[in-house]
């Protein structure tokens, strides 16, 4: 019975990819026919706290963790024995399904998160992987214990929302994390890991978090103050200022597209590029403020093929690029707010404010919504109208005051 079967082998390992908190996921590696699959165990460890296949004594609670790992090994061996004794062939997926268990509502949420993050990482969808990881970390801060899908109720979500709010999160950030959690839950439902009977998002509505966001566009006066701010004593802010003004004068070009903009994309007094998000091609006339910024970076005499000093070298892995973009964006947004303070602007500014400001000020100048939508590369007018909401309210308020002239 055993002769024609190749046994699965298992080993406790830690993944090479470091997580944001400095730890590494502890996984069960299963191997058959030289092919391997990593199964999440819901545990993490620093390299110095893990020795081979178990936690070192330096790790607080190492006995409890190692006892759990011993149970994992026993469970894995039991599953292998069952497969070997059966007359059917079996795959790594069969093992994974058996290992993760059939009591769907008892599936550990952390395991499912880790598995999702691992799949996205290996698919080089690193932005999505980071979004799930940030959501998992936020959820673990609220509920650090073992969490099962059946425990995520409407009441649980409301308390999680309150917890994030108390930590200083705004509606936009809360809604973002809730959408990631909902997407994970939807994935679990599709894979029959959890029943729709336990689905909490029927009654917990993320949409109610919309509409409370702060204004994202600068007024004409604010933009003038921002553009003319004196940075002579703040040289570390110059790049952020150039990035923002370049974006504004280039139809709201976002940082992702600016990151990959090459000198070879600029010829005949025009910028030619394809937006990475939509793949739509743009040809932009170079306005004088843009030419001034380009001249500044030409004079840096960098050997890089890229216009802006964002990517440190041309040959970088997808992971290196994602990490670099995340680091630069975080620093960029922080420095934009330093500039805003110097310019006397009492408003939080992010990279996307340049895009919203472009749309709003174009509308203020009398440009039609259709043309603004086309210049931004929007697929429909609805997206553009979202950009212009606060402008419309400002105009309505201004016109409304004419009643006082009666």
Protein backbone atom coordinates (compact mmCIF):
# COMPACT_ATOMS: atom_id res chain seq x y z
CA UNK A 1 0.00 0.00 0.00
CA UNK A 2 2.86 2.40 0.82
CA UNK A 3 5.13 1.52 -2.11
CA UNK A 4 3.80 3.92 -4.74
CA UNK A 5 3.34 6.83 -2.37
CA UNK A 6 5.76 9.63 -1.70
CA UNK A 7 5.52 10.82 1.86
CA UNK A 8 5.10 14.45 2.76
CA UNK A 9 7.79 15.80 5.07
CA UNK A 10 7.27 18.70 7.45
CA UNK A 11 9.45 21.20 9.26
CA UNK A 12 8.87 24.24 11.47
CA UNK A 13 10.62 27.25 9.90
CA UNK A 14 10.61 31.02 10.01
CA UNK A 15 10.10 32.91 6.77
CA UNK A 16 12.90 35.05 5.39
CA UNK A 17 10.60 38.05 4.91
CA UNK A 18 10.69 40.38 7.92
CA UNK A 19 7.40 41.94 8.97
CA UNK A 20 6.88 45.59 9.89
CA UNK A 21 7.26 44.94 13.62
CA UNK A 22 10.69 43.35 13.10
CA UNK A 23 9.54 39.76 13.60
CA UNK A 24 9.31 36.83 11.17
CA UNK A 25 6.29 34.52 10.65
CA UNK A 26 6.69 31.02 12.07
CA UNK A 27 5.39 28.55 9.46
CA UNK A 28 4.97 24.84 8.87
CA UNK A 29 6.78 23.89 5.67
CA UNK A 30 5.35 20.81 3.98
CA UNK A 31 7.27 19.19 1.12
CA UNK A 32 6.41 16.52 -1.45
CA UNK A 33 8.14 15.75 -4.75
CA UNK A 34 10.56 18.62 -4.06
CA UNK A 35 7.65 21.07 -4.00
CA UNK A 36 6.91 22.96 -0.81
CA UNK A 37 4.04 24.86 0.72
CA UNK A 38 4.18 27.16 3.75
CA UNK A 39 1.28 26.99 6.18
CA UNK A 40 0.80 29.82 8.71
CA UNK A 41 0.75 28.96 12.39
CA UNK A 42 -0.25 32.38 13.69
CA UNK A 43 3.09 32.83 15.47
CA UNK A 44 5.95 35.30 15.02
CA UNK A 45 9.48 35.44 16.34
CA UNK A 46 12.63 37.50 16.17
CA UNK A 47 15.56 35.58 14.71
CA UNK A 48 17.45 35.76 17.99
CA UNK A 49 14.48 34.15 19.80
CA UNK A 50 14.15 31.16 17.47
CA UNK A 51 16.52 28.21 17.25
CA UNK A 52 15.92 25.78 14.43
CA UNK A 53 12.40 24.52 15.05
CA UNK A 54 11.49 26.02 18.42
CA UNK A 55 11.61 29.15 20.57
CA UNK A 56 14.66 29.80 22.72
CA UNK A 57 14.44 30.25 26.47
CA UNK A 58 15.06 33.97 25.94
CA UNK A 59 11.54 34.29 24.52
CA UNK A 60 8.88 35.13 27.15
CA UNK A 61 6.43 32.24 27.30
CA UNK A 62 8.71 29.93 25.30
CA UNK A 63 7.30 26.81 27.00
CA UNK A 64 3.76 27.58 25.89
CA UNK A 65 4.90 28.35 22.34
CA UNK A 66 7.05 25.21 22.08
CA UNK A 67 4.22 23.10 23.48
CA UNK A 68 2.00 24.45 20.72
CA UNK A 69 4.67 23.67 18.09
CA UNK A 70 4.93 20.12 19.44
CA UNK A 71 1.17 19.75 19.00
CA UNK A 72 1.51 21.07 15.44
CA UNK A 73 4.10 18.37 14.66
CA UNK A 74 1.89 15.66 16.16
CA UNK A 75 -1.10 16.88 14.16
CA UNK A 76 0.97 16.98 10.96
CA UNK A 77 2.32 13.45 11.52
CA UNK A 78 -1.18 12.16 12.22
CA UNK A 79 -2.46 13.62 8.94
CA UNK A 80 0.48 12.10 7.03
CA UNK A 81 -0.23 8.68 8.58
CA UNK A 82 -3.90 8.93 7.57
CA UNK A 83 -2.97 9.77 3.99
CA UNK A 84 -0.38 7.00 3.81
CA UNK A 85 -2.87 4.43 5.08
CA UNK A 86 -5.53 5.46 2.54
CA UNK A 87 -5.53 4.12 -1.01
CA UNK A 88 -5.89 7.56 -2.60
CA UNK A 89 -3.06 9.80 -3.70
CA UNK A 90 -2.86 13.18 -2.01
CA UNK A 91 -1.39 16.61 -2.71
CA UNK A 92 0.08 19.44 -0.67
CA UNK A 93 -3.27 21.21 -0.99
CA UNK A 94 -5.03 18.15 0.44
CA UNK A 95 -2.65 18.26 3.38
CA UNK A 96 -3.18 21.99 3.85
CA UNK A 97 -6.98 21.60 3.81
CA UNK A 98 -6.77 18.83 6.38
CA UNK A 99 -4.26 20.68 8.52
CA UNK A 100 -6.29 23.89 8.61
CA UNK A 101 -9.25 21.89 9.83
CA UNK A 102 -12.88 21.46 8.91
CA UNK A 103 -14.33 23.29 11.90
CA UNK A 104 -14.50 26.43 9.79
CA UNK A 105 -15.63 28.85 12.47
CA UNK A 106 -12.59 27.86 14.54
CA UNK A 107 -10.08 28.88 11.86
CA UNK A 108 -7.61 31.34 13.36
CA UNK A 109 -7.92 34.75 11.69
CA UNK A 110 -4.18 35.41 12.05
CA UNK A 111 -3.43 32.23 10.06
CA UNK A 112 -5.72 33.34 7.26
CA UNK A 113 -4.15 36.82 7.26
CA UNK A 114 -0.62 35.35 7.07
CA UNK A 115 -1.64 33.03 4.24
CA UNK A 116 -3.19 35.92 2.29
CA UNK A 117 -0.11 38.12 2.82
CA UNK A 118 2.17 35.28 1.71
CA UNK A 119 0.20 34.76 -1.53
CA UNK A 120 0.26 38.48 -2.32
CA UNK A 121 3.98 38.69 -1.57
CA UNK A 122 4.79 35.81 -3.90
CA UNK A 123 2.61 37.41 -6.59
CA UNK A 124 4.62 40.64 -6.11
CA UNK A 125 1.41 42.48 -5.20
CA UNK A 126 3.39 44.15 -2.47
CA UNK A 127 1.10 47.15 -1.94
CA UNK A 128 -1.85 44.86 -1.24
CA UNK A 129 0.31 42.67 1.02
CA UNK A 130 1.34 45.73 3.03
CA UNK A 131 -2.31 46.85 3.34
CA UNK A 132 -3.33 43.47 4.79
CA UNK A 133 -0.33 43.46 7.11
CA UNK A 134 -1.14 46.94 8.44
CA UNK A 135 -4.74 45.86 9.04
CA UNK A 136 -3.62 42.71 10.85
CA UNK A 137 -1.25 44.70 13.08
CA UNK A 138 -4.03 47.19 13.93
CA UNK A 139 -6.38 44.32 14.74
CA UNK A 140 -3.74 42.62 16.91
CA UNK A 141 -3.24 45.83 18.89
CA UNK A 142 -6.96 45.78 19.66
CA UNK A 143 -7.23 42.01 20.21
CA UNK A 144 -3.81 40.43 20.84
CA UNK A 145 -5.23 37.00 21.71
CA UNK A 146 -6.08 34.12 19.38
CA UNK A 147 -8.98 35.31 17.19
CA UNK A 148 -11.51 33.16 15.34
CA UNK A 149 -13.81 34.29 12.54
CA UNK A 150 -16.92 33.49 14.56
CA UNK A 151 -15.76 36.02 17.18
CA UNK A 152 -15.83 38.89 14.68
CA UNK A 153 -19.34 40.21 15.25
CA UNK A 154 -20.94 43.62 14.67
CA UNK A 155 -20.23 44.44 18.32
CA UNK A 156 -16.59 43.38 17.85
CA UNK A 157 -16.24 45.63 14.77
CA UNK A 158 -17.78 48.61 16.56
CA UNK A 159 -15.33 48.20 19.44
CA UNK A 160 -12.44 47.81 16.98
CA UNK A 161 -13.54 51.04 15.28
CA UNK A 162 -13.66 52.83 18.64
CA UNK A 163 -10.20 51.49 19.50
CA UNK A 164 -8.74 52.87 16.25
CA UNK A 165 -10.45 56.21 16.81
CA UNK A 166 -8.96 56.41 20.31
CA UNK A 167 -5.52 55.78 18.76
CA UNK A 168 -5.97 58.86 16.58
CA UNK A 169 -7.20 57.21 13.37
CA UNK A 170 -9.53 59.28 11.18
CA UNK A 171 -12.55 57.97 9.29
CA UNK A 172 -10.58 57.43 6.09
CA UNK A 173 -7.96 55.24 7.78
CA UNK A 174 -10.59 53.33 9.74
CA UNK A 175 -12.66 52.69 6.61
CA UNK A 176 -9.53 51.50 4.76
CA UNK A 177 -8.71 48.89 7.42
CA UNK A 178 -12.34 47.79 7.68
CA UNK A 179 -12.45 47.27 3.92
CA UNK A 180 -9.33 45.11 4.12
CA UNK A 181 -10.89 43.06 6.92
CA UNK A 182 -14.12 42.73 4.94
CA UNK A 183 -12.15 41.61 1.86
CA UNK A 184 -10.43 38.96 4.00
CA UNK A 185 -13.80 37.82 5.34
CA UNK A 186 -15.22 37.68 1.79
CA UNK A 187 -12.24 35.56 0.75
CA UNK A 188 -12.85 33.24 3.69
CA UNK A 189 -16.53 32.90 2.70
CA UNK A 190 -15.60 32.12 -0.92
CA UNK A 191 -13.19 29.42 0.24
CA UNK A 192 -15.86 28.03 2.60
CA UNK A 193 -13.64 28.70 5.58
CA UNK A 194 -16.47 30.57 7.29
CA UNK A 195 -20.22 30.50 6.78
CA UNK A 196 -22.31 33.49 5.73
CA UNK A 197 -24.18 32.95 9.00
CA UNK A 198 -21.14 34.50 10.71
CA UNK A 199 -20.80 37.41 8.25
CA UNK A 200 -20.87 40.67 10.28
CA UNK A 201 -20.67 43.14 7.40
CA UNK A 202 -24.37 42.72 6.55
CA UNK A 203 -25.13 45.02 9.44
CA UNK A 204 -21.83 46.84 10.02
CA UNK A 205 -21.77 49.43 7.22
CA UNK A 206 -18.37 50.82 6.26
CA UNK A 207 -20.05 53.34 3.95
CA UNK A 208 -21.23 55.42 6.91
CA UNK A 209 -17.58 56.33 7.56
CA UNK A 210 -17.50 58.23 4.29
CA UNK A 211 -18.24 61.92 4.08
CA UNK A 212 -16.36 62.95 7.20
CA UNK A 213 -13.00 63.40 5.50
CA UNK A 214 -11.21 66.71 5.71
CA UNK A 215 -10.92 68.99 2.70
CA UNK A 216 -8.22 67.69 0.40
CA UNK A 217 -7.70 70.63 -1.96
CA UNK A 218 -5.84 73.88 -1.40
CA UNK A 219 -7.55 77.16 -2.20
CA UNK A 220 -5.98 79.53 -4.74
CA UNK A 221 -4.63 81.66 -1.88
CA UNK A 222 -3.21 78.63 -0.06
CA UNK A 223 -1.54 77.35 -3.22
CA UNK A 224 0.07 80.75 -3.81
CA UNK A 225 1.39 80.76 -0.24
CA UNK A 226 2.66 77.19 -0.64
CA UNK A 227 4.38 77.88 -3.97
CA UNK A 228 6.13 81.04 -2.72
CA UNK A 229 7.21 79.78 0.71
CA UNK A 230 10.84 80.59 1.56
CA UNK A 231 12.82 77.36 2.08
CA UNK A 232 16.29 78.91 2.09
CA UNK A 233 16.76 77.85 5.72
CA UNK A 234 15.04 74.49 5.20
CA UNK A 235 16.94 72.70 2.38
CA UNK A 236 15.61 69.28 3.47
CA UNK A 237 12.14 70.40 2.29
CA UNK A 238 13.13 71.38 -1.25
CA UNK A 239 12.47 67.99 -2.87
CA UNK A 240 9.01 67.73 -1.27
CA UNK A 241 8.15 71.23 -2.51
CA UNK A 242 9.34 70.40 -6.04
CA UNK A 243 7.43 67.10 -6.08
CA UNK A 244 4.18 68.81 -5.04
CA UNK A 245 4.42 71.71 -7.49
CA UNK A 246 5.48 69.39 -10.32
CA UNK A 247 2.43 67.21 -9.62
CA UNK A 248 0.12 70.24 -9.56
CA UNK A 249 1.40 71.66 -12.86
CA UNK A 250 1.41 68.21 -14.51
CA UNK A 251 -2.32 67.58 -14.17
CA UNK A 252 -2.02 66.02 -10.73
CA UNK A 253 0.55 63.38 -11.70
CA UNK A 254 0.84 61.09 -8.69
CA UNK A 255 4.04 60.06 -6.93
CA UNK A 256 3.98 56.52 -8.35
CA UNK A 257 4.20 57.91 -11.90
CA UNK A 258 6.75 60.56 -10.92
CA UNK A 259 8.89 57.80 -9.38
CA UNK A 260 9.34 56.07 -12.75
CA UNK A 261 9.49 59.20 -14.92
CA UNK A 262 12.67 59.06 -17.03
CA UNK A 263 14.61 61.79 -18.77
CA UNK A 264 13.95 59.86 -21.98
CA UNK A 265 10.20 60.51 -21.47
CA UNK A 266 10.83 64.23 -22.00
CA UNK A 267 11.29 65.49 -25.56
CA UNK A 268 9.94 68.17 -27.91
CA UNK A 269 9.01 70.29 -24.87
CA UNK A 270 6.53 67.66 -23.74
CA UNK A 271 6.35 64.92 -21.11
CA UNK A 272 5.17 61.51 -22.34
CA UNK A 273 4.16 58.86 -19.82
CA UNK A 274 1.60 56.14 -19.10
CA UNK A 275 -0.18 56.20 -15.77
CA UNK A 276 0.75 53.04 -13.89
CA UNK A 277 -2.69 52.71 -12.30
CA UNK A 278 -4.77 52.84 -15.51
CA UNK A 279 -2.11 52.35 -18.26
CA UNK A 280 -3.58 55.43 -20.00
CA UNK A 281 -1.02 57.45 -21.98
CA UNK A 282 -0.55 61.17 -21.40
CA UNK A 283 1.32 63.86 -23.30
CA UNK A 284 1.79 67.04 -21.26
CA UNK A 285 3.04 70.42 -22.39
CA UNK A 286 5.87 71.60 -20.15
CA UNK A 287 4.75 74.78 -18.39
CA UNK A 288 7.37 77.30 -17.12
CA UNK A 289 7.14 76.19 -13.44
CA UNK A 290 7.71 72.58 -14.56
CA UNK A 291 10.68 73.58 -16.73
CA UNK A 292 12.20 75.33 -13.71
CA UNK A 293 11.88 72.15 -11.62
CA UNK A 294 13.33 69.98 -14.40
CA UNK A 295 16.25 72.40 -14.73
CA UNK A 296 16.92 72.03 -11.00
CA UNK A 297 17.21 68.22 -11.28
CA UNK A 298 19.20 68.33 -14.52
CA UNK A 299 21.81 70.41 -12.72
CA UNK A 300 22.18 67.70 -10.06
CA UNK A 301 24.10 65.73 -12.72
CA UNK A 302 22.89 62.39 -11.44
CA UNK A 303 23.73 59.25 -13.42
CA UNK A 304 20.22 57.90 -12.75
CA UNK A 305 17.86 57.58 -15.74
CA UNK A 306 15.03 58.81 -13.50
CA UNK A 307 14.08 62.48 -13.20
CA UNK A 308 13.43 62.47 -9.46
CA UNK A 309 15.73 61.14 -6.70
CA UNK A 310 13.30 58.49 -5.49
CA UNK A 311 14.66 55.16 -6.77
CA UNK A 312 18.28 54.84 -5.72
CA UNK A 313 19.30 52.62 -8.63
CA UNK A 314 17.80 51.31 -11.85
CA UNK A 315 17.92 47.60 -11.07
CA UNK A 316 15.77 46.97 -8.01
CA UNK A 317 13.50 44.06 -7.13
CA UNK A 318 9.75 44.62 -6.87
CA UNK A 319 10.03 44.33 -3.10
CA UNK A 320 12.87 46.87 -2.92
CA UNK A 321 10.88 49.29 -5.07
CA UNK A 322 7.75 48.89 -2.93
CA UNK A 323 9.69 49.44 0.29
CA UNK A 324 11.48 52.46 -1.15
CA UNK A 325 8.23 54.03 -2.43
CA UNK A 326 6.57 53.51 0.95
CA UNK A 327 9.50 55.11 2.77
CA UNK A 328 9.68 58.09 0.38
CA UNK A 329 5.91 58.66 0.46
CA UNK A 330 5.85 58.68 4.26
CA UNK A 331 8.72 61.18 4.41
CA UNK A 332 7.20 63.25 1.59
CA UNK A 333 3.84 63.61 3.36
CA UNK A 334 5.56 64.53 6.62
CA UNK A 335 7.62 67.24 4.92
CA UNK A 336 4.60 68.62 3.07
CA UNK A 337 3.07 69.43 6.42
CA UNK A 338 6.26 71.14 7.53
CA UNK A 339 6.02 73.31 4.42
CA UNK A 340 2.33 73.98 5.06
CA UNK A 341 3.15 75.22 8.56
CA UNK A 342 5.85 77.54 7.18
CA UNK A 343 3.36 78.85 4.61
CA UNK A 344 0.70 79.50 7.25
CA UNK A 345 -1.64 76.83 5.91
CA UNK A 346 -3.74 75.28 8.66
CA UNK A 347 -4.58 72.11 6.78
CA UNK A 348 -3.14 68.60 6.64
CA UNK A 349 -1.46 68.04 3.28
CA UNK A 350 -0.61 64.76 1.56
CA UNK A 351 0.77 63.98 -1.88
CA UNK A 352 -2.76 63.58 -3.26
CA UNK A 353 -3.70 67.15 -2.29
CA UNK A 354 -1.76 68.34 -5.36
CA UNK A 355 -4.07 66.30 -7.60
CA UNK A 356 -7.23 67.48 -5.85
CA UNK A 357 -5.99 71.08 -5.87
CA UNK A 358 -5.33 70.89 -9.61
CA UNK A 359 -8.91 69.72 -10.26
CA UNK A 360 -10.51 72.24 -7.90
CA UNK A 361 -8.55 75.27 -9.11
CA UNK A 362 -9.17 74.32 -12.76
CA UNK A 363 -12.89 74.31 -11.96
CA UNK A 364 -12.53 77.65 -10.18
CA UNK A 365 -10.93 79.02 -13.35
CA UNK A 366 -14.03 78.02 -15.33
CA UNK A 367 -12.78 74.83 -16.99
CA UNK A 368 -15.57 72.33 -17.70
CA UNK A 369 -15.86 69.17 -15.63
CA UNK A 370 -15.57 67.07 -18.82
CA UNK A 371 -12.16 68.55 -19.63
CA UNK A 372 -10.96 68.22 -16.03
CA UNK A 373 -12.05 64.58 -16.04
CA UNK A 374 -10.15 63.93 -19.27
CA UNK A 375 -7.03 65.73 -18.03
CA UNK A 376 -7.01 63.63 -14.85
CA UNK A 377 -7.54 60.43 -16.84
CA UNK A 378 -10.70 59.47 -14.97
CA UNK A 379 -12.79 56.66 -16.42
CA UNK A 380 -16.05 58.45 -15.59
CA UNK A 381 -17.35 61.82 -14.45
CA UNK A 382 -18.46 60.41 -11.10
CA UNK A 383 -14.84 60.15 -9.92
CA UNK A 384 -14.16 63.73 -11.00
CA UNK A 385 -17.28 64.98 -9.22
CA UNK A 386 -15.94 63.44 -6.00
CA UNK A 387 -12.80 65.54 -6.44
CA UNK A 388 -14.90 68.68 -6.99
CA UNK A 389 -17.41 68.25 -4.15
CA UNK A 390 -15.86 70.78 -1.81
CA UNK A 391 -15.54 73.32 -4.65
CA UNK A 392 -19.26 73.05 -5.40
CA UNK A 393 -20.11 73.61 -1.73
CA UNK A 394 -17.87 76.71 -1.61
CA UNK A 395 -19.54 78.22 -4.67
CA UNK A 396 -23.02 77.42 -3.34
CA UNK A 397 -22.19 79.11 -0.03
CA UNK A 398 -20.86 82.17 -1.89
CA UNK A 399 -23.95 82.42 -4.08
CA UNK A 400 -26.22 81.80 -1.09
CA UNK A 401 -24.83 84.93 0.61
CA UNK A 402 -26.26 87.02 -2.23
CA UNK A 403 -29.59 86.70 -0.43
CA UNK A 404 -28.19 89.29 1.97
CA UNK A 405 -28.06 91.78 -0.89
CA UNK A 406 -31.87 91.87 -1.25
